[in-house]
Each structure stands twice: as structure tokens, then as C-alpha cells.
Amino acid sequence: MDTRRDVTTRSAAERRRRQLLPVVVLGGGLALAGCSAGAPSTLDPAGSGAGRVANLWWLLFWISMAVFAEVMAVLAWALLVRRRRDVRVRHGQPLRFVTVAGAGIPLVILVTVYAVGLRDLAALGDDPGPRAPTIEVTGHKWWWEVRVQGVDGATANELHIPVGEKVRVRLRTADVLHSFWVPQLMPKTDLIAGEVRETWLHAERAGNYRAQCAEYCGTQHAHMAFRVVAEPRHDYDAWVARLAAPAPAPQTDAQRRGQEAFLQGSCAGCHAIRGTAANGRIGPDLSDVGSRWSIGAGAVPNDGGHLGGWIANSQTVKPGNYMPPQPVDASRLPDLIAYLQSLR
């Protein structure tokens, strides 16, 4: 037995393992980089629209895995079997192999995927029906205005839908191109200037679904998120009723002082609060701002500290947005925060 040769072989194998280790670690890190906890995923569908997309993705994935396995098997045969033995290839075998594996099988795969894709496109383009609730969404730089057809009130960056029902969504843009995308419920729909686009949402289970503008629209494109709340029908009806009703009246002295500061200051020039003299149309309607999931369309959490910072100078929170710093006296700012947080 040649001991030196065995040692050399083991040393070479060890070097190869050490060389491959960084590649494996880097590859694993890159693979896991896209798997952040809690992030919305098209592959975790909660509605029939996203379900079709996920099913088509998995079909393509497994077809790709089968093709990859076949190619690797043929490559291994060519490198190992034919190199070790004198394998004779009969006349006509290469042509038959190329015809079947290179043309026949790919043709069947492409036709199948094309047919499934056409079926899913037709289903995604179906009309939700005349009895479906209609919600109107307008994209702004960089927030979402939400209205229910037939209701005067509005909200921002959050819409509600009844579980188990299709909801029609009519989309407009007030400025540049945006894209409405709820990964777990429906593929994206682009908002094009001068057009009214339509899509629909359908949730099979209750929950809060993070959504995002999927078309680059400027500096704060990343902070143009919204939330879809899927809930039982009676909760959805209650949400619609709140949109139609005046905002809650102040209940404490601090809230009353805060309302006075809001109406007498510059806030009322850009924002509306139902049931008050504030009827601005430049910024979001604030009639239910206290119950919203975030401030600035996902920029920061909706709590007293962040709300105060947003009022004083939103440019430090979301640079480039259209709200200038507000000249609110420091002594009145806590009252203004208390009033806005009471609007639910």
C-alpha cells in the first residue's frame, strides 16, 4: 500500500473541502437573505388570485428541477460512463435523442405551461360581479387614498375587505405611475395617468396583509406601503359606516385644546376631519388617523412620539414628502397629539 499517495489524496480532498466551504456559506447566506420573518410572500397565498400565481410558480419550479436532474444525469453519464468504457453509439441514436430530449419534451412542456398560464390569466381578469363592493384607491406621492364607492368619507394607507367575498378595486394615480400589489392576495396592477384600472381582491382567511407600491415612483417609493384588512362581513360593514360618520368629538380638555390647535393652525389647510371645519384635500383625510397602522404609509409606527416628530418636521422622518415642518408651539403639541390619537 502506497501510504504517501493516500496522504496526498486525503490532503488534496481536504483542500477542496476548505475551498468549497466559503462558497457553501455564501450561497446559503444569499438564499436565506430573501427569507425575512413576517415578510409578505406570493408563495404564501391567502386568496384565490395569489393562489393561482403560486401554483403556476410551483409548476415551473418542479419542471425546472426535472429538467435540471435530467441534464445532470446525461452529463454524469457522458463524463463517467463513456470515459471509463468504450461505449459504442449506434447510428441514428444521437439524432433520436436530440429530437426527443431537445425538441419533443420541451415542446410538450412549453405548450402545457402556456395553456395553464392562459387559463390563469383569464381567471385573474374575470369581473368580480355586479354585487361586489367597490373600493376606489388613488396613488399619491407617497401615500394611498382609499374611498368606498357611495361613501363621502376617506381614509389612507389601509383598506378593509370582507373575508370570502370578491371586492372590486378601482385604481387611479394623482401624479406619477404607481403599482398596486398585495402579494398574498393578488398580482400587481399598474396605475397609469389618465386611466382607471381595475382589479379585485379575495381573501380566504382573515388577517392583515402588507402591500406595497411595486412601480418606482420617486424618492420615497420604499415608504409607500399600505395594509389590507380581511375581516368578517359585519366588521367590514362597521368600517364602511365609520367612513361615512363624522370623526369622534373630543372628550377631554386636552383633546379639545388639540382640536382648536388643529383648526386654527396650518393643518386644516391640507387635511380634512369629517364633522369639523377642516376640509383640506392636499394631504390624507385624518378622521381616523388614531387607528391607522403606521404614519407616513409605513415610514414609522403610529405612536405618540413618532406622531409628534412627524408633526414638527416630517422631513426628518420621510425626506422629500410634501408636508413642510409645522409651526406648532411646543406647549400645544401634546394636546394636538392627544386629539389626533383620539380619532379612531
Protein backbone atom coordinates (compact mmCIF):
# COMPACT_ATOMS: atom_id res chain seq x y z
CA MET A 1 0.00 0.00 0.00
CA ASP A 2 1.34 3.40 -1.00
CA THR A 3 0.99 5.46 2.20
CA ARG A 4 2.38 8.63 0.64
CA ARG A 5 -0.19 8.52 -2.16
CA ASP A 6 -3.05 8.06 0.37
CA VAL A 7 -1.83 11.02 2.43
CA THR A 8 -1.52 13.17 -0.67
CA THR A 9 -5.02 12.20 -1.79
CA ARG A 10 -6.51 12.99 1.61
CA SER A 11 -4.66 16.33 1.70
CA ALA A 12 -5.99 17.26 -1.74
CA ALA A 13 -9.53 16.31 -0.71
CA GLU A 14 -9.21 18.37 2.46
CA ARG A 15 -8.03 21.39 0.45
CA ARG A 16 -11.00 21.04 -1.89
CA ARG A 17 -13.41 20.92 1.08
CA ARG A 18 -11.83 24.04 2.55
CA GLN A 19 -12.11 25.81 -0.79
CA LEU A 20 -15.78 24.84 -1.14
CA LEU A 21 -16.73 25.92 2.40
CA PRO A 22 -16.83 29.71 1.68
CA VAL A 23 -18.87 29.04 -1.45
CA VAL A 24 -21.41 26.96 0.51
CA VAL A 25 -21.62 29.53 3.30
CA LEU A 26 -22.01 32.41 0.86
CA GLY A 27 -24.62 30.55 -1.17
CA GLY A 28 -26.60 29.66 1.93
CA GLY A 29 -26.45 33.24 3.17
CA LEU A 30 -27.69 34.58 -0.14
CA ALA A 31 -30.50 32.04 -0.19
CA LEU A 32 -31.60 32.97 3.33
CA ALA A 33 -31.27 36.72 2.70
CA GLY A 34 -34.62 36.76 0.92
CA CYS A 35 -36.40 34.96 3.77
CA SER A 36 -37.14 37.69 6.31
CA ALA A 37 -39.61 36.77 9.02
CA GLY A 38 -43.06 38.18 8.53
CA ALA A 39 -42.43 39.49 5.01
CA PRO A 40 -45.36 39.04 2.61
CA SER A 41 -44.77 36.29 0.07
CA THR A 42 -46.59 35.33 -3.10
CA LEU A 43 -45.75 31.72 -2.16
CA ASP A 44 -47.89 32.06 0.99
CA PRO A 45 -51.20 32.86 -0.73
CA ALA A 46 -54.27 33.82 1.28
CA GLY A 47 -56.60 34.41 -1.66
CA SER A 48 -57.63 32.79 -4.92
CA GLY A 49 -55.76 35.32 -7.07
CA ALA A 50 -52.39 34.84 -5.40
CA GLY A 51 -53.10 31.10 -5.21
CA ARG A 52 -53.10 30.85 -8.99
CA VAL A 53 -49.77 32.66 -9.17
CA ALA A 54 -48.26 30.39 -6.52
CA ASN A 55 -49.50 27.24 -8.28
CA LEU A 56 -48.02 28.36 -11.58
CA TRP A 57 -44.72 29.16 -9.85
CA TRP A 58 -44.52 25.73 -8.28
CA LEU A 59 -45.36 24.08 -11.61
CA LEU A 60 -42.47 25.93 -13.27
CA PHE A 61 -40.18 25.16 -10.33
CA TRP A 62 -40.74 21.39 -10.44
CA ILE A 63 -40.45 21.32 -14.22
CA SER A 64 -37.13 23.16 -13.89
CA MET A 65 -35.96 20.69 -11.25
CA ALA A 66 -36.87 17.74 -13.50
CA VAL A 67 -35.04 19.26 -16.47
CA PHE A 68 -32.03 20.04 -14.29
CA ALA A 69 -31.93 16.48 -12.97
CA GLU A 70 -32.14 15.09 -16.50
CA VAL A 71 -29.33 17.32 -17.75
CA MET A 72 -27.12 16.41 -14.76
CA ALA A 73 -27.80 12.69 -15.33
CA VAL A 74 -26.83 12.91 -19.01
CA LEU A 75 -23.74 14.94 -18.11
CA ALA A 76 -22.70 12.39 -15.47
CA TRP A 77 -23.18 9.56 -17.97
CA ALA A 78 -21.07 11.38 -20.54
CA LEU A 79 -18.28 12.15 -18.08
CA LEU A 80 -18.16 8.91 -16.12
CA VAL A 81 -19.58 6.00 -18.10
CA ARG A 82 -18.22 6.83 -21.53
CA ARG A 83 -14.84 7.82 -20.13
CA ARG A 84 -14.40 4.51 -18.27
CA ARG A 85 -15.75 2.24 -21.01
CA ASP A 86 -15.66 2.07 -24.74
CA VAL A 87 -19.38 2.67 -25.25
CA ARG A 88 -20.36 2.47 -28.89
CA VAL A 89 -23.18 4.65 -30.11
CA ARG A 90 -25.33 3.15 -32.83
CA HIS A 91 -26.02 5.05 -36.00
CA GLY A 92 -29.05 7.36 -35.56
CA GLN A 93 -29.11 7.31 -31.75
CA PRO A 94 -27.82 10.91 -31.31
CA LEU A 95 -30.42 12.23 -33.75
CA ARG A 96 -33.25 10.43 -31.97
CA PHE A 97 -32.02 11.63 -28.59
CA VAL A 98 -31.80 15.26 -29.76
CA THR A 99 -35.24 15.02 -31.37
CA VAL A 100 -36.91 13.65 -28.24
CA ALA A 101 -34.97 15.43 -25.47
CA GLY A 102 -34.14 18.62 -27.33
CA ALA A 103 -37.38 19.23 -29.23
CA GLY A 104 -40.21 16.89 -28.25
CA ILE A 105 -40.08 17.18 -24.45
CA PRO A 106 -39.51 20.99 -24.46
CA LEU A 107 -42.44 21.40 -26.85
CA VAL A 108 -44.75 19.47 -24.52
CA ILE A 109 -43.54 21.49 -21.51
CA LEU A 110 -43.95 24.86 -23.24
CA VAL A 111 -47.43 24.05 -24.56
CA THR A 112 -48.54 22.85 -21.12
CA VAL A 113 -47.19 25.92 -19.30
CA TYR A 114 -48.66 28.23 -21.95
CA ALA A 115 -52.10 26.64 -21.60
CA VAL A 116 -52.01 26.84 -17.80
CA GLY A 117 -50.84 30.46 -17.99
CA LEU A 118 -53.68 31.42 -20.34
CA ARG A 119 -56.19 29.75 -18.02
CA ASP A 120 -54.87 31.67 -15.01
CA LEU A 121 -54.72 35.00 -16.89
CA ALA A 122 -58.35 34.59 -17.91
CA ALA A 123 -59.36 33.81 -14.31
CA LEU A 124 -57.42 36.79 -12.92
CA GLY A 125 -59.11 39.07 -15.44
CA ASP A 126 -62.65 37.93 -14.57
CA ASP A 127 -65.13 40.55 -13.40
CA PRO A 128 -65.92 40.12 -9.67
CA GLY A 129 -69.63 40.53 -10.37
CA PRO A 130 -72.21 43.32 -10.07
CA ARG A 131 -72.82 42.73 -6.34
CA ALA A 132 -69.16 43.03 -5.35
CA PRO A 133 -68.30 46.02 -3.11
CA THR A 134 -66.26 48.66 -4.92
CA ILE A 135 -63.32 50.43 -3.31
CA GLU A 136 -61.57 53.32 -5.03
CA VAL A 137 -57.83 53.71 -4.46
CA THR A 138 -55.78 56.69 -5.63
CA GLY A 139 -51.99 56.66 -5.55
CA HIS A 140 -50.21 59.84 -4.47
CA LYS A 141 -46.55 60.64 -3.85
CA TRP A 142 -46.17 58.79 -1.45
CA TRP A 143 -49.40 57.53 0.11
CA TRP A 144 -52.69 55.85 -0.81
CA GLU A 145 -56.12 57.48 -0.66
CA VAL A 146 -58.92 54.97 -0.04
CA ARG A 147 -62.64 55.54 -0.59
CA VAL A 148 -65.67 53.26 -0.71
CA GLN A 149 -67.99 53.88 -3.63
CA GLY A 150 -71.10 55.73 -2.47
CA VAL A 151 -69.49 56.94 0.79
CA ASP A 152 -68.23 60.52 1.22
CA GLY A 153 -65.52 59.76 3.75
CA ALA A 154 -61.96 58.66 3.03
CA THR A 155 -59.03 57.09 4.78
CA ALA A 156 -55.39 56.48 3.90
CA ASN A 157 -52.97 53.58 3.51
CA GLU A 158 -55.45 50.96 4.71
CA LEU A 159 -58.45 49.25 3.17
CA HIS A 160 -60.81 46.61 4.53
CA ILE A 161 -62.44 43.73 2.68
CA PRO A 162 -64.93 41.05 3.79
CA VAL A 163 -63.48 37.54 4.04
CA GLY A 164 -64.67 35.11 1.39
CA GLU A 165 -66.01 37.80 -0.97
CA LYS A 166 -64.51 39.37 -4.06
CA VAL A 167 -64.06 43.13 -3.85
CA ARG A 168 -63.65 45.32 -6.92
CA VAL A 169 -60.78 47.82 -6.66
CA ARG A 170 -60.69 50.82 -9.00
CA LEU A 171 -57.25 52.38 -9.29
CA ARG A 172 -56.13 55.87 -10.27
CA THR A 173 -52.97 57.89 -9.89
CA ALA A 174 -52.89 61.56 -8.95
CA ASP A 175 -49.36 62.11 -10.27
CA VAL A 176 -46.77 59.58 -11.50
CA LEU A 177 -47.01 55.86 -12.22
CA HIS A 178 -47.62 53.62 -9.22
CA SER A 179 -48.45 49.93 -8.87
CA PHE A 180 -50.94 48.30 -6.50
CA TRP A 181 -49.60 44.98 -5.19
CA VAL A 182 -50.87 42.74 -2.39
CA PRO A 183 -48.51 39.73 -2.70
CA GLN A 184 -50.64 37.31 -0.67
CA LEU A 185 -53.91 38.24 -2.38
CA MET A 186 -53.39 39.37 -5.98
CA PRO A 187 -50.75 40.13 -8.64
CA LYS A 188 -49.84 43.76 -9.12
CA THR A 189 -51.84 46.22 -11.20
CA ASP A 190 -50.16 49.35 -12.55
CA LEU A 191 -51.72 52.79 -12.06
CA ILE A 192 -51.40 54.80 -15.28
CA ALA A 193 -52.03 58.54 -15.52
CA GLY A 194 -55.34 59.37 -17.18
CA GLU A 195 -56.71 55.83 -16.85
CA VAL A 196 -58.94 54.00 -14.38
CA ARG A 197 -57.60 50.48 -13.90
CA GLU A 198 -59.48 47.66 -12.19
CA THR A 199 -58.52 44.61 -10.20
CA TRP A 200 -60.16 42.58 -7.45
CA LEU A 201 -59.20 41.21 -4.06
CA HIS A 202 -60.37 38.00 -2.45
CA ALA A 203 -59.18 36.71 0.93
CA GLU A 204 -59.87 33.16 2.03
CA ARG A 205 -58.84 33.81 5.63
CA ALA A 206 -58.98 36.79 7.95
CA GLY A 207 -55.80 38.75 8.63
CA ASN A 208 -53.71 41.83 7.93
CA TYR A 209 -51.87 41.73 4.61
CA ARG A 210 -48.94 44.03 3.93
CA ALA A 211 -48.93 45.57 0.46
CA GLN A 212 -46.62 47.88 -1.45
CA CYS A 213 -46.28 50.16 -4.44
CA ALA A 214 -44.42 47.99 -6.95
CA GLU A 215 -43.51 50.68 -9.52
CA TYR A 216 -40.62 53.03 -8.73
CA CYS A 217 -42.21 56.43 -8.18
CA GLY A 218 -39.53 58.63 -6.66
CA THR A 219 -37.52 59.25 -3.52
CA GLN A 220 -39.89 57.62 -1.03
CA HIS A 221 -41.10 54.73 -3.18
CA ALA A 222 -39.99 52.28 -0.48
CA HIS A 223 -42.21 54.09 2.05
CA MET A 224 -45.40 53.77 0.05
CA ALA A 225 -46.88 50.76 1.77
CA PHE A 226 -50.45 50.01 2.75
CA ARG A 227 -52.40 47.32 4.57
CA VAL A 228 -55.36 45.21 3.56
CA VAL A 229 -57.50 44.03 6.47
CA ALA A 230 -59.63 40.95 5.70
CA GLU A 231 -62.38 40.59 8.28
CA PRO A 232 -65.90 39.17 8.73
CA ARG A 233 -68.67 40.91 6.84
CA HIS A 234 -70.16 42.63 9.89
CA ASP A 235 -66.76 44.15 10.77
CA TYR A 236 -66.36 45.34 7.18
CA ASP A 237 -69.82 46.97 7.29
CA ALA A 238 -68.85 48.69 10.54
CA TRP A 239 -65.70 50.05 8.88
CA VAL A 240 -67.74 51.44 5.99
CA ALA A 241 -70.15 53.05 8.48
CA ARG A 242 -67.24 54.74 10.26
CA LEU A 243 -66.06 56.19 6.96
CA ALA A 244 -69.47 57.76 6.44
CA ALA A 245 -69.78 59.13 10.00
CA PRO A 246 -68.24 62.30 11.50
CA ALA A 247 -64.98 61.91 13.36
CA PRO A 248 -65.24 61.35 17.14
CA ALA A 249 -65.71 64.56 19.12
CA PRO A 250 -63.02 65.43 21.70
CA GLN A 251 -63.76 64.03 25.16
CA THR A 252 -61.10 65.64 27.36
CA ASP A 253 -59.82 69.17 27.86
CA ALA A 254 -56.51 68.22 26.23
CA GLN A 255 -58.32 66.84 23.18
CA ARG A 256 -60.46 69.96 22.90
CA ARG A 257 -57.36 72.16 23.04
CA GLY A 258 -55.77 69.90 20.44
CA GLN A 259 -58.75 70.24 18.11
CA GLU A 260 -58.56 74.02 18.48
CA ALA A 261 -54.85 73.96 17.64
CA PHE A 262 -55.57 71.81 14.58
CA LEU A 263 -58.34 74.05 13.23
CA GLN A 264 -56.56 77.34 13.95
CA GLY A 265 -53.20 76.23 12.62
CA SER A 266 -51.96 75.27 9.17
CA CYS A 267 -53.05 71.61 9.46
CA ALA A 268 -56.63 72.29 8.35
CA GLY A 269 -55.41 73.83 5.10
CA CYS A 270 -54.20 70.44 3.81
CA HIS A 271 -56.14 67.83 5.79
CA ALA A 272 -59.80 67.04 6.38
CA ILE A 273 -61.53 65.78 9.51
CA ARG A 274 -65.16 64.87 9.00
CA GLY A 275 -67.61 66.86 11.11
CA THR A 276 -65.24 69.84 11.54
CA ALA A 277 -64.34 72.92 9.53
CA ALA A 278 -61.17 71.19 8.27
CA ASN A 279 -61.73 70.17 4.66
CA GLY A 280 -58.29 70.24 3.05
CA ARG A 281 -57.74 67.92 0.08
CA ILE A 282 -53.97 68.05 -0.37
CA GLY A 283 -52.99 65.51 2.28
CA PRO A 284 -54.72 62.44 3.70
CA ASP A 285 -58.05 62.63 5.50
CA LEU A 286 -57.26 62.36 9.23
CA SER A 287 -60.71 61.41 10.55
CA ASP A 288 -59.44 58.01 11.74
CA VAL A 289 -55.71 58.69 11.99
CA GLY A 290 -55.50 57.38 15.56
CA SER A 291 -56.34 53.83 14.49
CA ARG A 292 -54.02 53.59 11.48
CA TRP A 293 -51.27 51.00 11.44
CA SER A 294 -48.47 53.46 10.65
CA ILE A 295 -47.50 57.04 9.95
CA GLY A 296 -46.32 58.07 6.50
CA ALA A 297 -47.50 54.94 4.65
CA GLY A 298 -45.25 52.59 6.57
CA ALA A 299 -42.46 55.04 7.40
CA VAL A 300 -42.76 54.78 11.23
CA PRO A 301 -45.12 53.23 13.82
CA ASN A 302 -48.23 55.16 14.79
CA ASP A 303 -47.49 56.19 18.37
CA GLY A 304 -47.30 59.48 20.24
CA GLY A 305 -43.56 60.00 19.90
CA HIS A 306 -43.42 59.37 16.16
CA LEU A 307 -46.60 61.37 15.60
CA GLY A 308 -45.09 64.38 17.39
CA GLY A 309 -41.92 64.11 15.33
CA TRP A 310 -43.96 63.87 12.14
CA ILE A 311 -45.97 66.99 13.00
CA ALA A 312 -42.91 69.03 13.97
CA ASN A 313 -40.83 68.11 10.93
CA SER A 314 -41.86 65.16 8.79
CA GLN A 315 -38.83 65.72 6.55
CA THR A 316 -36.63 64.13 9.21
CA VAL A 317 -38.85 61.04 9.07
CA LYS A 318 -39.66 60.79 5.37
CA PRO A 319 -37.44 63.18 3.38
CA GLY A 320 -38.99 64.57 0.22
CA ASN A 321 -42.65 64.22 1.18
CA TYR A 322 -44.92 67.20 0.53
CA MET A 323 -45.63 68.12 4.17
CA PRO A 324 -43.48 71.04 5.37
CA PRO A 325 -42.42 71.49 9.02
CA GLN A 326 -45.35 72.76 11.11
CA PRO A 327 -45.02 75.83 13.34
CA VAL A 328 -46.79 74.25 16.32
CA ASP A 329 -45.96 75.73 19.70
CA ALA A 330 -44.23 73.18 21.93
CA SER A 331 -46.78 73.77 24.68
CA ARG A 332 -49.66 72.87 22.34
CA LEU A 333 -48.04 69.87 20.66
CA PRO A 334 -49.04 67.31 23.38
CA ASP A 335 -52.68 68.44 23.13
CA LEU A 336 -52.60 68.15 19.33
CA ILE A 337 -51.15 64.63 19.61
CA ALA A 338 -53.84 63.68 22.15
CA TYR A 339 -56.59 64.90 19.80
CA LEU A 340 -55.23 63.11 16.74
CA GLN A 341 -54.77 59.86 18.66
CA SER A 342 -58.45 60.04 19.76
CA LEU A 343 -59.62 59.94 16.13
CA ARG A 344 -60.47 56.27 15.65
